[in-house]
Every structure is written in C-alpha cells, then in structure tokens.
C-alpha cells in the first residue's frame, strides 16, 4: 500500500483583502465563528483539525493499474468576504497550515 504524504493543521491564513463580515465554508458546508472556528487578525483557527493528505506517486499508480487505492483527504476552506473597496470577494480552496 502506498504511503500517504501530508499534514494536519488547525489554522488557515486569513486573506488580507478579507474584511467586513465573512461567510466561511468547509468542504462546501457553511461553518460558523464561535462554533466551528475562531477568527484572529491573521488566521481562522478551527476547533477540529483540517487534513491535507495527498496520495503519493505509488498510490496513484496502484489506483490506475489495479483500480483500488487510497483516496486523498484534503479539506478545503472557502471564504466569501467584503473587499476594502466594498465589493464581493471569494477566496477559494484555502488550505490549513501544518501544526
């Protein structure tokens, strides 16, 4: 079986242009400040760890030749925010910083 490369982390960098009210999504599901994460000036700090476990080359080779294997576990965070100019901004597929 292929060895997985990756990491877990609780923090996602807050984009500099993300000001005002934020709507945060984890893997397409809305999450809430104070319940699922805390907001600092620099990060969104999640209560549960976020994963970035990418299948390595051997795992991908096994999946294509044999048809079975280990699939990636990558948590993605999307943020909908107000930009400094008052416009709408979307920050997609932000990934956690390793702990």
Protein backbone atom coordinates (compact mmCIF):
# COMPACT_ATOMS: atom_id res chain seq x y z
CA UNK A 1 0.00 0.00 0.00
CA UNK A 2 1.24 3.48 -0.83
CA UNK A 3 2.39 5.75 1.95
CA UNK A 4 0.42 8.97 2.29
CA UNK A 5 2.13 12.33 2.30
CA UNK A 6 0.51 15.25 4.06
CA UNK A 7 -0.26 17.04 7.27
CA UNK A 8 -2.99 18.25 9.54
CA UNK A 9 -3.46 21.74 10.89
CA UNK A 10 -5.99 23.91 12.67
CA UNK A 11 -5.13 27.32 11.19
CA UNK A 12 -5.98 28.78 7.79
CA UNK A 13 -4.42 32.12 6.84
CA UNK A 14 -6.97 34.94 6.64
CA UNK A 15 -6.57 36.71 3.26
CA UNK A 16 -5.56 40.37 3.70
CA UNK A 17 -8.41 41.53 1.47
CA UNK A 18 -11.00 39.63 3.55
CA UNK A 19 -12.53 42.40 5.66
CA UNK A 20 -16.01 43.03 6.99
CA UNK A 21 -18.31 40.09 7.52
CA UNK A 22 -17.05 36.69 6.42
CA UNK A 23 -19.04 33.66 5.36
CA UNK A 24 -16.85 30.57 5.70
CA UNK A 25 -17.35 27.18 4.06
CA UNK A 26 -15.54 23.95 4.89
CA UNK A 27 -15.80 21.39 2.09
CA UNK A 28 -18.85 23.23 0.76
CA UNK A 29 -20.71 23.42 4.09
CA UNK A 30 -21.12 26.70 5.93
CA UNK A 31 -19.32 26.84 9.28
CA UNK A 32 -19.75 29.46 11.99
CA UNK A 33 -17.45 31.64 14.04
CA UNK A 34 -17.53 30.77 17.73
CA UNK A 35 -18.84 27.27 16.99
CA UNK A 36 -16.50 25.77 14.37
CA UNK A 37 -13.65 28.29 14.33
CA UNK A 38 -12.28 31.43 15.96
CA UNK A 39 -11.22 34.45 13.92
CA UNK A 40 -7.99 36.33 14.60
CA UNK A 41 -6.35 39.15 12.64
CA UNK A 42 -4.19 36.63 10.77
CA UNK A 43 -5.96 33.25 10.89
CA UNK A 44 -9.14 31.26 11.10
CA UNK A 45 -8.45 28.76 13.89
CA UNK A 46 -10.61 25.65 13.58
CA UNK A 47 -11.62 23.50 16.54
CA UNK A 48 -11.17 20.29 14.54
CA UNK A 49 -8.02 19.51 12.54
CA UNK A 50 -8.04 20.06 8.80
CA UNK A 51 -6.31 17.50 6.59
CA UNK A 52 -4.11 17.68 3.53
CA UNK A 53 -3.30 14.06 2.81
CA UNK A 54 -2.32 13.71 -0.82
CA UNK A 55 -1.79 10.24 -2.28
CA UNK A 56 1.79 9.82 -3.45
CA UNK A 57 3.01 8.60 -6.84
CA UNK A 58 2.89 4.89 -5.93
CA UNK A 59 -0.65 5.22 -4.64
CA UNK A 60 -1.78 6.89 -7.86
CA UNK A 61 -0.01 4.22 -9.92
CA UNK A 62 -1.74 1.49 -7.91
CA UNK A 63 -5.12 3.18 -8.39
CA UNK A 64 -4.68 3.41 -12.17
CA UNK A 65 -3.26 -0.09 -12.72
CA UNK A 66 -5.19 -2.17 -10.17
CA UNK A 67 -8.24 0.04 -9.70
CA UNK A 68 -8.00 0.18 -5.94
CA UNK A 69 -6.12 2.51 -3.68
CA UNK A 70 -6.21 5.24 -1.13
CA UNK A 71 -8.01 8.43 -1.98
CA UNK A 72 -6.94 11.92 -0.97
CA UNK A 73 -8.31 13.56 2.17
CA UNK A 74 -7.98 17.28 1.57
CA UNK A 75 -10.14 19.76 3.49
CA UNK A 76 -10.81 22.99 1.60
CA UNK A 77 -11.91 26.27 3.10
CA UNK A 78 -13.68 28.92 1.02
CA UNK A 79 -14.34 32.45 2.28
CA UNK A 80 -16.88 34.93 0.93
CA UNK A 81 -15.97 38.42 2.12
CA UNK A 82 -16.29 42.13 1.59
CA UNK A 83 -13.23 43.71 -0.06
CA UNK A 84 -11.75 47.04 1.10
CA UNK A 85 -13.49 48.75 -1.83
CA UNK A 86 -16.87 47.37 -0.68
CA UNK A 87 -17.09 44.73 -3.40
CA UNK A 88 -17.61 41.00 -3.01
CA UNK A 89 -14.59 38.71 -2.89
CA UNK A 90 -14.33 34.94 -2.87
CA UNK A 91 -11.21 33.18 -1.64
CA UNK A 92 -11.33 29.56 -2.76
CA UNK A 93 -9.62 26.34 -1.65
CA UNK A 94 -7.57 27.76 1.18
CA UNK A 95 -5.57 25.07 2.95
CA UNK A 96 -4.50 24.64 6.55
CA UNK A 97 -1.05 25.47 7.82
CA UNK A 98 0.69 22.40 9.29
CA UNK A 99 0.70 22.23 13.10
